[in-house]
Amino acid sequence: MKKSKKKVEQSLTPKERQLVEQLRKSPGLMERVQSIVDLAENAEGPLKTADEIEEALVEEIRRLGNETMHHWATKAQERVSDELKAEHPKVLSFKKKR
């Protein structure tokens, strides 16, 4: 029998709740962390060698690093922009089109 969502959320510590909320705000980071946990569990599919798991883990760590840096840079840019607007309200801002 599965635990209800409410019971699971109630059983989380405050630190676990904070982590879940932070990951919800950063789906890319959540995806990378989930991939790493999946590698650790290795419960599905064919049994892999330690070398195969290590290679996959190194690649996931690289992806996690890239995603983390992208997330950090986006937040830093927003923060600098907000501070600049607060100090100089008449300054125009231009956003890069994607």
Protein backbone atom coordinates (compact mmCIF):
# COMPACT_ATOMS: atom_id res chain seq x y z
CA MET A 1 0.00 0.00 0.00
CA LYS A 2 1.35 3.42 -0.97
CA LYS A 3 1.64 6.23 1.52
CA SER A 4 -0.55 9.18 0.74
CA LYS A 5 1.20 12.35 -0.43
CA LYS A 6 0.16 14.16 2.74
CA LYS A 7 1.65 11.46 4.99
CA VAL A 8 4.91 11.49 3.05
CA GLU A 9 5.12 15.29 3.24
CA GLN A 10 4.43 15.18 6.96
CA SER A 11 7.21 12.63 7.48
CA LEU A 12 9.79 14.88 5.80
CA THR A 13 12.13 16.84 8.02
CA PRO A 14 12.25 20.61 7.54
CA LYS A 15 15.59 20.24 5.75
CA GLU A 16 14.12 17.60 3.40
CA ARG A 17 11.11 19.81 2.70
CA GLN A 18 13.42 22.73 1.89
CA LEU A 19 15.45 20.57 -0.50
CA VAL A 20 12.32 19.32 -2.27
CA GLU A 21 11.01 22.88 -2.68
CA GLN A 22 14.35 24.09 -4.03
CA LEU A 23 14.48 21.22 -6.52
CA ARG A 24 10.90 21.92 -7.62
CA LYS A 25 12.01 25.45 -8.52
CA SER A 26 14.90 24.04 -10.56
CA PRO A 27 13.62 21.14 -12.68
CA GLY A 28 16.97 20.76 -14.44
CA LEU A 29 18.75 20.21 -11.14
CA MET A 30 16.02 17.82 -10.02
CA GLU A 31 16.44 15.78 -13.20
CA ARG A 32 20.21 15.51 -12.70
CA VAL A 33 19.88 14.53 -9.02
CA GLN A 34 17.24 11.94 -9.94
CA SER A 35 19.58 10.47 -12.58
CA ILE A 36 22.35 10.14 -9.98
CA VAL A 37 20.01 8.46 -7.50
CA ASP A 38 18.81 6.11 -10.24
CA LEU A 39 22.42 5.14 -10.96
CA ALA A 40 23.00 4.45 -7.27
CA GLU A 41 19.90 2.27 -7.08
CA ASN A 42 20.61 0.44 -10.37
CA ALA A 43 17.52 -1.67 -9.72
CA GLU A 44 16.20 -1.78 -13.29
CA GLY A 45 17.64 -3.21 -16.47
CA PRO A 46 20.75 -5.29 -16.96
CA LEU A 47 23.37 -5.44 -14.24
CA LYS A 48 26.19 -3.00 -15.01
CA THR A 49 29.84 -3.21 -14.11
CA ALA A 50 31.46 -0.79 -11.68
CA ASP A 51 33.30 0.81 -14.63
CA GLU A 52 30.02 1.38 -16.50
CA ILE A 53 28.40 2.92 -13.41
CA GLU A 54 31.47 5.10 -12.79
CA GLU A 55 31.46 6.35 -16.39
CA ALA A 56 27.74 7.14 -16.24
CA LEU A 57 28.14 8.81 -12.85
CA VAL A 58 31.01 11.02 -14.05
CA GLU A 59 28.86 12.14 -16.99
CA GLU A 60 25.89 12.89 -14.71
CA ILE A 61 28.13 14.86 -12.34
CA ARG A 62 29.37 16.92 -15.31
CA ARG A 63 25.78 17.58 -16.35
CA LEU A 64 24.87 18.48 -12.77
CA GLY A 65 27.80 20.93 -12.67
CA ASN A 66 26.74 22.53 -15.95
CA GLU A 67 23.12 22.80 -14.83
CA THR A 68 24.18 24.23 -11.48
CA MET A 69 26.38 26.87 -13.10
CA HIS A 70 23.60 27.83 -15.51
CA HIS A 71 21.12 28.12 -12.63
CA TRP A 72 23.59 30.16 -10.56
CA ALA A 73 24.40 32.50 -13.47
CA THR A 74 20.72 33.13 -14.18
CA LYS A 75 20.05 33.96 -10.51
CA ALA A 76 23.16 36.17 -10.31
CA GLN A 77 22.13 38.07 -13.43
CA GLU A 78 18.63 38.64 -12.01
CA ARG A 79 20.09 39.83 -8.71
CA VAL A 80 22.51 42.27 -10.35
CA SER A 81 19.73 43.56 -12.59
CA ASP A 82 17.42 44.10 -9.61
CA GLU A 83 20.14 45.89 -7.64
CA LEU A 84 20.97 48.12 -10.61
CA LYS A 85 17.29 48.99 -11.09
CA ALA A 86 16.98 49.82 -7.40
CA GLU A 87 20.03 52.08 -7.47
CA HIS A 88 19.27 53.66 -10.86
CA PRO A 89 15.53 53.41 -11.64
CA LYS A 90 15.87 55.30 -14.93
CA VAL A 91 18.30 52.78 -16.43
CA LEU A 92 16.73 50.75 -19.21
CA SER A 93 17.30 47.02 -19.29
CA PHE A 94 17.43 44.86 -22.36
CA LYS A 95 16.92 41.12 -22.24
CA LYS A 96 18.64 38.82 -24.63
CA LYS A 97 16.20 37.02 -26.92
CA ARG A 98 16.45 33.27 -26.96
